Amino acid sequence: MSYAGDGPALSQLLRELADDTSRDRIAVGDLLLALGDRATAALLFIFAFPNILPVPPGTSAILGAPLVFLAAQLTFGMRPWLPGIISRRSMARADFHGMIRRVIPWLERAEKLLRPRISVLALPPCEYVIGLVCLLLAVVLVLPIPLGNMLPALSISLLALGLLERDGFAVATGVVAASASAVLVSGVIWGIVKACVFMVAQVLV
């Protein structure tokens, strides 16, 4: 997988696609084609980051499905591919433009901070381990767990940007965030289980 230093920044590519008035709609397949060899990490970021922001209920389940596919492919070192039912999904260019307009300022700030360092953490075989971590986080995103999407989404975003920029520091930060996600989600699930057991006990008394 090539990285951002091999071509235009991800923010520039997304802006060009959003500003392309020759398109009425932007499909996931268009993103896959435009991002080329960087598509896996770039799409992990694109599908994960919106979950950090306030979004309508159910959005994480929709965006989580492609994340699962992409993370699995990263885990096994495969080229990025998405099934037709996902790659054909599209949105109006105006809606895509609005979404990218919200993402770009954050992405540009991140790109100014990121640079190749401790790159061994962002290269195979560490890259495959990162894919596995992202896969587990993506599964959490798909599940309807209260408060269970923002921190996993942040973790995937950091890991994806670390891969794109070959920035081991960003990867390490993403791993720390992923660990915090595991603690938070485990606590939420344990709380739900205890509440269910308590309610069942009250019914049986």
N, C-alpha and C. Protein backbone atom coordinates (compact mmCIF):
# COMPACT_ATOMS: atom_id res chain seq x y z
N MET A 1 0.85 -1.20 0.00
CA MET A 1 0.00 0.00 0.00
C MET A 1 0.88 1.24 0.00
N SER A 2 0.65 2.15 -0.94
CA SER A 2 1.42 3.40 -0.97
C SER A 2 0.90 4.33 0.11
N TYR A 3 1.63 5.42 0.35
CA TYR A 3 1.18 6.32 1.40
C TYR A 3 1.07 7.73 0.85
N ALA A 4 0.61 8.67 1.72
CA ALA A 4 0.28 10.02 1.26
C ALA A 4 1.46 10.74 0.64
N GLY A 5 2.68 10.40 1.06
CA GLY A 5 3.84 11.05 0.48
C GLY A 5 4.05 10.69 -0.98
N ASP A 6 3.34 9.68 -1.47
CA ASP A 6 3.48 9.26 -2.87
C ASP A 6 2.62 10.07 -3.83
N GLY A 7 1.80 10.97 -3.32
CA GLY A 7 0.91 11.74 -4.19
C GLY A 7 0.19 12.83 -3.43
N PRO A 8 -0.88 13.38 -4.00
CA PRO A 8 -1.62 14.45 -3.33
C PRO A 8 -2.14 14.01 -1.97
N ALA A 9 -2.30 14.97 -1.07
CA ALA A 9 -2.84 14.68 0.25
C ALA A 9 -4.28 14.19 0.13
N LEU A 10 -4.70 13.41 1.11
CA LEU A 10 -6.07 12.89 1.11
C LEU A 10 -7.08 14.02 1.09
N SER A 11 -6.81 15.09 1.83
CA SER A 11 -7.74 16.22 1.86
C SER A 11 -7.91 16.83 0.48
N GLN A 12 -6.82 16.91 -0.29
CA GLN A 12 -6.89 17.46 -1.64
C GLN A 12 -7.71 16.56 -2.56
N LEU A 13 -7.49 15.25 -2.47
CA LEU A 13 -8.24 14.31 -3.32
C LEU A 13 -9.74 14.38 -3.02
N LEU A 14 -10.09 14.44 -1.74
CA LEU A 14 -11.50 14.50 -1.36
C LEU A 14 -12.13 15.80 -1.81
N ARG A 15 -11.39 16.89 -1.70
CA ARG A 15 -11.93 18.18 -2.13
C ARG A 15 -12.17 18.20 -3.64
N GLU A 16 -11.23 17.64 -4.39
CA GLU A 16 -11.38 17.60 -5.85
C GLU A 16 -12.60 16.77 -6.24
N LEU A 17 -12.81 15.66 -5.55
CA LEU A 17 -13.96 14.80 -5.86
C LEU A 17 -15.26 15.50 -5.49
N ALA A 18 -15.27 16.18 -4.36
CA ALA A 18 -16.48 16.89 -3.92
C ALA A 18 -16.81 18.07 -4.82
N ASP A 19 -15.78 18.68 -5.41
CA ASP A 19 -15.99 19.86 -6.27
C ASP A 19 -16.20 19.51 -7.74
N ASP A 20 -16.21 18.23 -8.06
CA ASP A 20 -16.37 17.79 -9.45
C ASP A 20 -17.84 17.92 -9.86
N THR A 21 -18.16 19.01 -10.51
CA THR A 21 -19.55 19.29 -10.88
C THR A 21 -20.05 18.42 -12.04
N SER A 22 -19.16 17.63 -12.64
CA SER A 22 -19.60 16.75 -13.72
C SER A 22 -20.35 15.53 -13.18
N ARG A 23 -20.31 15.34 -11.86
CA ARG A 23 -20.99 14.20 -11.23
C ARG A 23 -22.25 14.68 -10.52
N ASP A 24 -23.32 13.93 -10.69
CA ASP A 24 -24.53 14.19 -9.91
C ASP A 24 -24.50 13.46 -8.58
N ARG A 25 -23.86 12.29 -8.58
CA ARG A 25 -23.78 11.48 -7.37
C ARG A 25 -22.35 10.94 -7.21
N ILE A 26 -22.00 10.69 -5.97
CA ILE A 26 -20.70 10.10 -5.66
C ILE A 26 -20.93 8.73 -5.05
N ALA A 27 -20.42 7.69 -5.71
CA ALA A 27 -20.58 6.33 -5.21
C ALA A 27 -19.33 5.90 -4.45
N VAL A 28 -19.49 4.90 -3.61
CA VAL A 28 -18.35 4.36 -2.88
C VAL A 28 -17.29 3.85 -3.86
N GLY A 29 -17.75 3.27 -4.97
CA GLY A 29 -16.82 2.81 -5.99
C GLY A 29 -15.99 3.94 -6.60
N ASP A 30 -16.58 5.15 -6.69
CA ASP A 30 -15.84 6.31 -7.19
C ASP A 30 -14.69 6.64 -6.25
N LEU A 31 -14.95 6.55 -4.94
CA LEU A 31 -13.90 6.81 -3.95
C LEU A 31 -12.79 5.78 -4.07
N LEU A 32 -13.19 4.52 -4.24
CA LEU A 32 -12.23 3.42 -4.35
C LEU A 32 -11.30 3.66 -5.54
N LEU A 33 -11.88 4.11 -6.66
CA LEU A 33 -11.10 4.35 -7.88
C LEU A 33 -10.21 5.57 -7.73
N ALA A 34 -10.74 6.65 -7.15
CA ALA A 34 -10.00 7.90 -7.05
C ALA A 34 -8.81 7.80 -6.09
N LEU A 35 -8.96 6.96 -5.06
CA LEU A 35 -7.92 6.88 -4.03
C LEU A 35 -6.81 5.89 -4.38
N GLY A 36 -7.04 5.03 -5.37
CA GLY A 36 -5.99 4.13 -5.86
C GLY A 36 -5.43 3.22 -4.79
N ASP A 37 -4.08 3.13 -4.74
CA ASP A 37 -3.41 2.21 -3.84
C ASP A 37 -3.57 2.59 -2.37
N ARG A 38 -3.98 3.85 -2.13
CA ARG A 38 -4.17 4.29 -0.75
C ARG A 38 -5.60 4.09 -0.27
N ALA A 39 -6.41 3.43 -1.08
CA ALA A 39 -7.84 3.35 -0.80
C ALA A 39 -8.16 2.69 0.53
N THR A 40 -7.45 1.64 0.90
CA THR A 40 -7.80 0.91 2.12
C THR A 40 -7.75 1.82 3.34
N ALA A 41 -6.59 2.42 3.60
CA ALA A 41 -6.44 3.29 4.77
C ALA A 41 -7.31 4.54 4.64
N ALA A 42 -7.36 5.11 3.42
CA ALA A 42 -8.15 6.32 3.22
C ALA A 42 -9.63 6.08 3.47
N LEU A 43 -10.16 4.96 2.97
CA LEU A 43 -11.57 4.66 3.16
C LEU A 43 -11.87 4.27 4.61
N LEU A 44 -10.91 3.65 5.28
CA LEU A 44 -11.09 3.39 6.71
C LEU A 44 -11.32 4.71 7.44
N PHE A 45 -10.53 5.72 7.09
CA PHE A 45 -10.71 7.04 7.71
C PHE A 45 -12.05 7.66 7.32
N ILE A 46 -12.37 7.62 6.03
CA ILE A 46 -13.59 8.26 5.53
C ILE A 46 -14.85 7.68 6.17
N PHE A 47 -14.87 6.35 6.33
CA PHE A 47 -16.06 5.71 6.90
C PHE A 47 -16.08 5.78 8.43
N ALA A 48 -14.91 5.92 9.04
CA ALA A 48 -14.86 5.95 10.51
C ALA A 48 -15.09 7.35 11.07
N PHE A 49 -14.48 8.36 10.45
CA PHE A 49 -14.49 9.70 11.04
C PHE A 49 -15.88 10.28 11.28
N PRO A 50 -16.84 10.13 10.36
CA PRO A 50 -18.17 10.71 10.61
C PRO A 50 -18.81 10.21 11.91
N ASN A 51 -18.42 9.03 12.37
CA ASN A 51 -18.99 8.49 13.61
C ASN A 51 -18.50 9.23 14.86
N ILE A 52 -17.42 10.01 14.70
CA ILE A 52 -16.94 10.82 15.82
C ILE A 52 -17.85 12.02 16.02
N LEU A 53 -18.43 12.50 14.92
CA LEU A 53 -19.30 13.67 14.95
C LEU A 53 -20.73 13.25 15.25
N PRO A 54 -21.57 14.19 15.71
CA PRO A 54 -22.99 13.87 15.93
C PRO A 54 -23.64 13.44 14.62
N VAL A 55 -24.20 12.23 14.59
CA VAL A 55 -24.84 11.69 13.38
C VAL A 55 -26.18 11.08 13.76
N PRO A 56 -27.10 10.94 12.79
CA PRO A 56 -28.40 10.32 13.08
C PRO A 56 -28.24 8.89 13.56
N PRO A 57 -29.16 8.41 14.41
CA PRO A 57 -29.09 7.02 14.88
C PRO A 57 -29.07 6.03 13.71
N GLY A 58 -28.27 5.00 13.84
CA GLY A 58 -28.19 3.99 12.79
C GLY A 58 -27.09 4.24 11.79
N THR A 59 -26.50 5.46 11.81
CA THR A 59 -25.44 5.77 10.84
C THR A 59 -24.23 4.86 11.02
N SER A 60 -23.89 4.58 12.29
CA SER A 60 -22.71 3.75 12.53
C SER A 60 -22.87 2.35 11.96
N ALA A 61 -24.10 1.82 11.97
CA ALA A 61 -24.33 0.49 11.40
C ALA A 61 -24.12 0.50 9.89
N ILE A 62 -24.53 1.60 9.22
CA ILE A 62 -24.39 1.72 7.77
C ILE A 62 -22.91 1.88 7.39
N LEU A 63 -22.21 2.76 8.10
CA LEU A 63 -20.81 3.02 7.79
C LEU A 63 -19.90 1.89 8.28
N GLY A 64 -20.39 1.12 9.25
CA GLY A 64 -19.56 0.06 9.82
C GLY A 64 -19.36 -1.11 8.89
N ALA A 65 -20.35 -1.40 8.03
CA ALA A 65 -20.25 -2.56 7.13
C ALA A 65 -19.04 -2.47 6.21
N PRO A 66 -18.83 -1.36 5.48
CA PRO A 66 -17.62 -1.29 4.65
C PRO A 66 -16.34 -1.30 5.48
N LEU A 67 -16.40 -0.77 6.71
CA LEU A 67 -15.22 -0.79 7.57
C LEU A 67 -14.79 -2.23 7.87
N VAL A 68 -15.77 -3.10 8.10
CA VAL A 68 -15.47 -4.50 8.38
C VAL A 68 -14.75 -5.14 7.19
N PHE A 69 -15.27 -4.91 5.97
CA PHE A 69 -14.66 -5.47 4.76
C PHE A 69 -13.22 -4.95 4.59
N LEU A 70 -13.05 -3.64 4.72
CA LEU A 70 -11.74 -3.03 4.47
C LEU A 70 -10.72 -3.45 5.52
N ALA A 71 -11.14 -3.51 6.78
CA ALA A 71 -10.22 -3.90 7.85
C ALA A 71 -9.80 -5.35 7.68
N ALA A 72 -10.73 -6.21 7.27
CA ALA A 72 -10.39 -7.62 7.04
C ALA A 72 -9.36 -7.74 5.91
N GLN A 73 -9.53 -6.95 4.86
CA GLN A 73 -8.58 -6.99 3.75
C GLN A 73 -7.21 -6.48 4.17
N LEU A 74 -7.19 -5.44 5.01
CA LEU A 74 -5.91 -4.93 5.52
C LEU A 74 -5.22 -5.99 6.37
N THR A 75 -5.99 -6.72 7.16
CA THR A 75 -5.44 -7.76 8.03
C THR A 75 -4.68 -8.83 7.22
N PHE A 76 -5.21 -9.15 6.04
CA PHE A 76 -4.61 -10.22 5.23
C PHE A 76 -3.79 -9.67 4.06
N GLY A 77 -3.53 -8.36 4.07
CA GLY A 77 -2.68 -7.77 3.04
C GLY A 77 -3.28 -7.80 1.65
N MET A 78 -4.61 -7.78 1.56
CA MET A 78 -5.30 -7.84 0.27
C MET A 78 -5.49 -6.44 -0.32
N ARG A 79 -5.65 -6.38 -1.63
CA ARG A 79 -5.96 -5.11 -2.29
C ARG A 79 -7.40 -4.72 -1.95
N PRO A 80 -7.67 -3.40 -1.86
CA PRO A 80 -9.00 -2.96 -1.47
C PRO A 80 -10.08 -3.37 -2.47
N TRP A 81 -11.14 -3.93 -1.97
CA TRP A 81 -12.27 -4.35 -2.80
C TRP A 81 -13.52 -4.32 -1.93
N LEU A 82 -14.63 -3.92 -2.52
CA LEU A 82 -15.90 -3.93 -1.81
C LEU A 82 -16.95 -4.58 -2.70
N PRO A 83 -17.86 -5.36 -2.13
CA PRO A 83 -18.92 -5.99 -2.93
C PRO A 83 -19.80 -4.94 -3.57
N GLY A 84 -20.43 -5.31 -4.68
CA GLY A 84 -21.24 -4.36 -5.44
C GLY A 84 -22.32 -3.69 -4.62
N ILE A 85 -22.91 -4.41 -3.67
CA ILE A 85 -23.99 -3.83 -2.87
C ILE A 85 -23.50 -2.64 -2.04
N ILE A 86 -22.19 -2.62 -1.76
CA ILE A 86 -21.60 -1.49 -1.04
C ILE A 86 -21.00 -0.48 -2.00
N SER A 87 -20.24 -0.96 -3.00
CA SER A 87 -19.55 -0.03 -3.91
C SER A 87 -20.53 0.79 -4.75
N ARG A 88 -21.76 0.26 -4.96
CA ARG A 88 -22.75 1.01 -5.76
C ARG A 88 -23.53 2.03 -4.92
N ARG A 89 -23.38 1.97 -3.61
CA ARG A 89 -24.06 2.95 -2.78
C ARG A 89 -23.53 4.34 -3.10
N SER A 90 -24.43 5.29 -3.17
CA SER A 90 -24.01 6.64 -3.55
C SER A 90 -24.83 7.68 -2.81
N MET A 91 -24.34 8.91 -2.87
CA MET A 91 -25.10 10.04 -2.33
C MET A 91 -24.98 11.20 -3.29
N ALA A 92 -25.92 12.11 -3.21
CA ALA A 92 -25.89 13.28 -4.07
C ALA A 92 -24.58 14.03 -3.84
N ARG A 93 -24.02 14.59 -4.93
CA ARG A 93 -22.74 15.29 -4.80
C ARG A 93 -22.84 16.42 -3.79
N ALA A 94 -23.99 17.09 -3.74
CA ALA A 94 -24.17 18.20 -2.81
C ALA A 94 -24.07 17.70 -1.36
N ASP A 95 -24.65 16.54 -1.09
CA ASP A 95 -24.57 15.97 0.26
C ASP A 95 -23.14 15.54 0.59
N PHE A 96 -22.48 14.94 -0.41
CA PHE A 96 -21.09 14.54 -0.23
C PHE A 96 -20.22 15.77 0.03
N HIS A 97 -20.48 16.82 -0.72
CA HIS A 97 -19.73 18.06 -0.55
C HIS A 97 -19.91 18.60 0.86
N GLY A 98 -21.14 18.56 1.37
CA GLY A 98 -21.41 19.05 2.71
C GLY A 98 -20.69 18.23 3.77
N MET A 99 -20.68 16.90 3.59
CA MET A 99 -19.99 16.03 4.54
C MET A 99 -18.49 16.28 4.52
N ILE A 100 -17.92 16.38 3.31
CA ILE A 100 -16.48 16.60 3.17
C ILE A 100 -16.09 17.96 3.74
N ARG A 101 -16.97 18.94 3.60
CA ARG A 101 -16.68 20.27 4.14
C ARG A 101 -16.52 20.23 5.65
N ARG A 102 -17.24 19.31 6.30
CA ARG A 102 -17.11 19.16 7.76
C ARG A 102 -15.84 18.40 8.13
N VAL A 103 -15.44 17.48 7.27
CA VAL A 103 -14.29 16.63 7.57
C VAL A 103 -12.96 17.31 7.25
N ILE A 104 -12.92 18.06 6.15
CA ILE A 104 -11.66 18.62 5.64
C ILE A 104 -10.89 19.44 6.67
N PRO A 105 -11.52 20.37 7.42
CA PRO A 105 -10.73 21.15 8.38
C PRO A 105 -9.99 20.28 9.39
N TRP A 106 -10.65 19.24 9.89
CA TRP A 106 -10.01 18.33 10.83
C TRP A 106 -8.89 17.55 10.16
N LEU A 107 -9.14 17.11 8.94
CA LEU A 107 -8.15 16.32 8.22
C LEU A 107 -6.92 17.15 7.89
N GLU A 108 -7.13 18.39 7.47
CA GLU A 108 -5.98 19.25 7.14
C GLU A 108 -5.13 19.54 8.37
N ARG A 109 -5.77 19.73 9.53
CA ARG A 109 -5.00 19.93 10.76
C ARG A 109 -4.16 18.70 11.06
N ALA A 110 -4.78 17.53 10.90
CA ALA A 110 -4.05 16.28 11.16
C ALA A 110 -2.88 16.12 10.20
N GLU A 111 -3.10 16.43 8.92
CA GLU A 111 -2.05 16.26 7.91
C GLU A 111 -0.84 17.15 8.19
N LYS A 112 -1.07 18.31 8.83
CA LYS A 112 0.04 19.20 9.18
C LYS A 112 0.89 18.63 10.31
N LEU A 113 0.25 17.82 11.16
CA LEU A 113 0.96 17.26 12.31
C LEU A 113 1.63 15.93 11.98
N LEU A 114 1.07 15.20 11.01
CA LEU A 114 1.57 13.86 10.71
C LEU A 114 2.77 13.91 9.78
N ARG A 115 3.69 12.97 9.98
CA ARG A 115 4.87 12.85 9.11
C ARG A 115 5.48 11.48 9.31
N PRO A 116 6.25 10.98 8.35
CA PRO A 116 6.88 9.66 8.53
C PRO A 116 7.83 9.65 9.72
N ARG A 117 7.54 8.80 10.70
CA ARG A 117 8.39 8.62 11.88
C ARG A 117 8.02 7.28 12.55
N ILE A 118 9.00 6.65 13.13
CA ILE A 118 8.81 5.31 13.70
C ILE A 118 8.00 4.48 12.70
N SER A 119 8.38 4.58 11.44
CA SER A 119 7.55 4.01 10.36
C SER A 119 7.39 2.51 10.43
N VAL A 120 8.26 1.83 11.20
CA VAL A 120 8.15 0.38 11.32
C VAL A 120 6.78 -0.02 11.87
N LEU A 121 6.15 0.86 12.66
CA LEU A 121 4.83 0.57 13.23
C LEU A 121 3.72 0.67 12.20
N ALA A 122 4.02 1.29 11.05
CA ALA A 122 3.00 1.48 10.02
C ALA A 122 3.27 0.66 8.78
N LEU A 123 4.18 -0.31 8.89
CA LEU A 123 4.55 -1.16 7.76
C LEU A 123 4.28 -2.63 8.13
N PRO A 124 4.14 -3.50 7.11
CA PRO A 124 4.01 -4.93 7.42
C PRO A 124 5.22 -5.40 8.23
N PRO A 125 5.05 -6.30 9.20
CA PRO A 125 3.80 -6.99 9.55
C PRO A 125 2.90 -6.23 10.51
N CYS A 126 3.40 -5.10 11.06
CA CYS A 126 2.57 -4.33 12.00
C CYS A 126 1.28 -3.86 11.33
N GLU A 127 1.36 -3.59 10.03
CA GLU A 127 0.18 -3.14 9.28
C GLU A 127 -0.96 -4.16 9.38
N TYR A 128 -0.61 -5.44 9.36
CA TYR A 128 -1.63 -6.48 9.43
C TYR A 128 -2.26 -6.55 10.83
N VAL A 129 -1.45 -6.30 11.84
CA VAL A 129 -1.97 -6.26 13.21
C VAL A 129 -2.93 -5.07 13.36
N ILE A 130 -2.55 -3.95 12.76
CA ILE A 130 -3.43 -2.77 12.78
C ILE A 130 -4.76 -3.11 12.11
N GLY A 131 -4.70 -3.86 11.01
CA GLY A 131 -5.92 -4.28 10.33
C GLY A 131 -6.82 -5.09 11.25
N LEU A 132 -6.22 -6.00 12.03
CA LEU A 132 -6.99 -6.82 12.96
C LEU A 132 -7.63 -5.96 14.05
N VAL A 133 -6.88 -4.99 14.57
CA VAL A 133 -7.43 -4.07 15.58
C VAL A 133 -8.60 -3.29 14.99
N CYS A 134 -8.43 -2.78 13.77
CA CYS A 134 -9.50 -2.03 13.10
C CYS A 134 -10.72 -2.92 12.86
N LEU A 135 -10.48 -4.19 12.55
CA LEU A 135 -11.58 -5.12 12.32
C LEU A 135 -12.42 -5.29 13.58
N LEU A 136 -11.76 -5.48 14.71
CA LEU A 136 -12.47 -5.63 15.98
C LEU A 136 -13.24 -4.35 16.32
N LEU A 137 -12.62 -3.21 16.08
CA LEU A 137 -13.28 -1.93 16.35
C LEU A 137 -14.47 -1.71 15.42
N ALA A 138 -14.33 -2.14 14.16
CA ALA A 138 -15.42 -2.00 13.19
C ALA A 138 -16.63 -2.84 13.59
N VAL A 139 -16.36 -4.03 14.12
CA VAL A 139 -17.45 -4.89 14.59
C VAL A 139 -18.19 -4.20 15.74
N VAL A 140 -17.45 -3.55 16.62
CA VAL A 140 -18.07 -2.81 17.73
C VAL A 140 -18.93 -1.68 17.18
N LEU A 141 -18.45 -1.01 16.15
CA LEU A 141 -19.22 0.09 15.54
C LEU A 141 -20.55 -0.39 14.98
N VAL A 142 -20.56 -1.57 14.40
CA VAL A 142 -21.78 -2.10 13.79
C VAL A 142 -22.82 -2.45 14.86
N LEU A 143 -22.35 -2.88 16.03
CA LEU A 143 -23.27 -3.30 17.08
C LEU A 143 -23.97 -2.09 17.71
N PRO A 144 -25.25 -2.24 18.08
CA PRO A 144 -25.99 -1.12 18.68
C PRO A 144 -25.66 -0.95 20.16
N ILE A 145 -24.41 -0.56 20.45
CA ILE A 145 -23.97 -0.39 21.83
C ILE A 145 -24.03 1.10 22.19
N PRO A 146 -24.77 1.49 23.21
CA PRO A 146 -24.83 2.90 23.60
C PRO A 146 -23.44 3.46 23.90
N LEU A 147 -23.14 4.62 23.34
CA LEU A 147 -21.85 5.29 23.53
C LEU A 147 -20.69 4.46 23.01
N GLY A 148 -21.01 3.48 22.14
CA GLY A 148 -19.98 2.55 21.70
C GLY A 148 -19.39 2.86 20.34
N ASN A 149 -19.64 4.05 19.79
CA ASN A 149 -19.14 4.31 18.43
C ASN A 149 -18.08 5.40 18.35
N MET A 150 -18.14 6.42 19.22
CA MET A 150 -17.25 7.57 19.05
C MET A 150 -15.78 7.21 19.28
N LEU A 151 -15.49 6.52 20.37
CA LEU A 151 -14.09 6.19 20.67
C LEU A 151 -13.52 5.16 19.71
N PRO A 152 -14.25 4.09 19.36
CA PRO A 152 -13.74 3.18 18.32
C PRO A 152 -13.50 3.88 16.99
N ALA A 153 -14.42 4.80 16.62
CA ALA A 153 -14.25 5.54 15.36
C ALA A 153 -13.01 6.41 15.39
N LEU A 154 -12.76 7.06 16.54
CA LEU A 154 -11.55 7.87 16.68
C LEU A 154 -10.31 6.99 16.57
N SER A 155 -10.36 5.82 17.18
CA SER A 155 -9.22 4.90 17.12
C SER A 155 -8.91 4.48 15.69
N ILE A 156 -9.96 4.10 14.94
CA ILE A 156 -9.76 3.69 13.54
C ILE A 156 -9.22 4.86 12.72
N SER A 157 -9.74 6.05 12.96
CA SER A 157 -9.29 7.23 12.21
C SER A 157 -7.80 7.49 12.45
N LEU A 158 -7.37 7.40 13.70
CA LEU A 158 -5.95 7.62 14.01
C LEU A 158 -5.07 6.55 13.38
N LEU A 159 -5.50 5.31 13.47
CA LEU A 159 -4.73 4.22 12.88
C LEU A 159 -4.64 4.36 11.35
N ALA A 160 -5.76 4.74 10.73
CA ALA A 160 -5.78 4.90 9.27
C ALA A 160 -4.86 6.04 8.83
N LEU A 161 -4.91 7.17 9.55
CA LEU A 161 -4.02 8.29 9.21
C LEU A 161 -2.57 7.92 9.45
N GLY A 162 -2.32 7.15 10.50
CA GLY A 162 -0.95 6.70 10.75
C GLY A 162 -0.42 5.85 9.61
N LEU A 163 -1.26 4.98 9.07
CA LEU A 163 -0.87 4.16 7.91
C LEU A 163 -0.63 5.04 6.68
N LEU A 164 -1.54 5.99 6.45
CA LEU A 164 -1.43 6.85 5.27
C LEU A 164 -0.14 7.66 5.27
N GLU A 165 0.23 8.16 6.44
CA GLU A 165 1.40 9.03 6.53
C GLU A 165 2.65 8.31 7.03
N ARG A 166 2.55 6.97 7.23
CA ARG A 166 3.66 6.19 7.78
C ARG A 166 4.13 6.80 9.10
N ASP A 167 3.16 7.23 9.91
CA ASP A 167 3.46 7.89 11.18
C ASP A 167 3.21 6.90 12.33
N GLY A 168 4.29 6.32 12.84
CA GLY A 168 4.18 5.36 13.93
C GLY A 168 3.63 5.98 15.20
N PHE A 169 3.88 7.27 15.40
CA PHE A 169 3.35 7.94 16.60
C PHE A 169 1.83 7.97 16.56
N ALA A 170 1.26 8.26 15.39
CA ALA A 170 -0.20 8.25 15.24
C ALA A 170 -0.75 6.85 15.44
N VAL A 171 -0.02 5.85 14.93
CA VAL A 171 -0.45 4.46 15.11
C VAL A 171 -0.47 4.11 16.59
N ALA A 172 0.60 4.48 17.31
CA ALA A 172 0.67 4.19 18.74
C ALA A 172 -0.47 4.88 19.49
N THR A 173 -0.77 6.12 19.11
CA THR A 173 -1.87 6.85 19.74
C THR A 173 -3.19 6.16 19.45
N GLY A 174 -3.34 5.65 18.22
CA GLY A 174 -4.55 4.92 17.86
C GLY A 174 -4.71 3.64 18.67
N VAL A 175 -3.59 2.95 18.94
CA VAL A 175 -3.63 1.72 19.75
C VAL A 175 -4.05 2.04 21.18
N VAL A 176 -3.55 3.15 21.72
CA VAL A 176 -3.95 3.57 23.07
C VAL A 176 -5.44 3.87 23.10
N ALA A 177 -5.92 4.59 22.07
CA ALA A 177 -7.36 4.89 21.99
C ALA A 177 -8.18 3.61 21.85
N ALA A 178 -7.66 2.65 21.09
CA ALA A 178 -8.36 1.37 20.93
C ALA A 178 -8.46 0.63 22.26
N SER A 179 -7.39 0.69 23.06
CA SER A 179 -7.41 0.06 24.38
C SER A 179 -8.46 0.71 25.27
N ALA A 180 -8.52 2.05 25.20
CA ALA A 180 -9.53 2.77 25.98
C ALA A 180 -10.94 2.40 25.49
N SER A 181 -11.08 2.20 24.18
CA SER A 181 -12.37 1.79 23.61
C SER A 181 -12.80 0.45 24.18
N ALA A 182 -11.83 -0.49 24.27
CA ALA A 182 -12.14 -1.81 24.78
C ALA A 182 -12.63 -1.75 26.22
N VAL A 183 -11.98 -0.89 27.01
CA VAL A 183 -12.39 -0.74 28.41
C VAL A 183 -13.78 -0.12 28.50
N LEU A 184 -14.02 0.93 27.71
CA LEU A 184 -15.32 1.61 27.74
C LEU A 184 -16.44 0.68 27.29
N VAL A 185 -16.26 0.03 26.14
CA VAL A 185 -17.30 -0.84 25.60
C VAL A 185 -17.56 -2.02 26.54
N SER A 186 -16.49 -2.59 27.10
CA SER A 186 -16.66 -3.69 28.05
C SER A 186 -17.48 -3.24 29.26
N GLY A 187 -17.20 -2.02 29.73
CA GLY A 187 -17.94 -1.49 30.86
C GLY A 187 -19.42 -1.28 30.53
N VAL A 188 -19.67 -0.77 29.33
CA VAL A 188 -21.07 -0.55 28.91
C VAL A 188 -21.81 -1.88 28.80
N ILE A 189 -21.18 -2.87 28.16
CA ILE A 189 -21.81 -4.18 28.00
C ILE A 189 -22.07 -4.82 29.37
N TRP A 190 -21.08 -4.73 30.26
CA TRP A 190 -21.24 -5.30 31.59
C TRP A 190 -22.39 -4.61 32.34
N GLY A 191 -22.49 -3.29 32.16
CA GLY A 191 -23.59 -2.55 32.80
C GLY A 191 -24.95 -2.98 32.25
N ILE A 192 -25.02 -3.21 30.95
CA ILE A 192 -26.28 -3.66 30.33
C ILE A 192 -26.66 -5.05 30.84
N VAL A 193 -25.65 -5.94 30.92
CA VAL A 193 -25.90 -7.30 31.40
C VAL A 193 -26.41 -7.28 32.84
N LYS A 194 -25.76 -6.48 33.70
CA LYS A 194 -26.18 -6.38 35.10
C LYS A 194 -27.61 -5.84 35.21
N ALA A 195 -27.93 -4.84 34.38
CA ALA A 195 -29.27 -4.27 34.41
C ALA A 195 -30.31 -5.30 33.99
N CYS A 196 -29.98 -6.09 32.96
CA CYS A 196 -30.92 -7.12 32.49
C CYS A 196 -31.13 -8.19 33.56
N VAL A 197 -30.03 -8.61 34.20
CA VAL A 197 -30.13 -9.62 35.26
C VAL A 197 -30.97 -9.10 36.42
N PHE A 198 -30.77 -7.84 36.76
CA PHE A 198 -31.54 -7.23 37.86
C PHE A 198 -33.03 -7.20 37.54
N MET A 199 -33.37 -6.81 36.29
CA MET A 199 -34.78 -6.73 35.89
C MET A 199 -35.42 -8.11 35.90
N VAL A 200 -34.68 -9.11 35.39
CA VAL A 200 -35.20 -10.49 35.39
C VAL A 200 -35.43 -10.96 36.81
N ALA A 201 -34.48 -10.65 37.71
CA ALA A 201 -34.60 -11.06 39.11
C ALA A 201 -35.81 -10.43 39.75
N GLN A 202 -36.08 -9.13 39.40
CA GLN A 202 -37.22 -8.44 39.97
C GLN A 202 -38.54 -9.06 39.49
N VAL A 203 -38.54 -9.52 38.25
CA VAL A 203 -39.75 -10.14 37.70
C VAL A 203 -40.02 -11.49 38.36
N LEU A 204 -38.94 -12.22 38.64
CA LEU A 204 -39.07 -13.56 39.20
C LEU A 204 -39.39 -13.57 40.70
N VAL A 205 -39.09 -12.46 41.37
CA VAL A 205 -39.36 -12.39 42.83
C VAL A 205 -40.87 -12.36 43.10
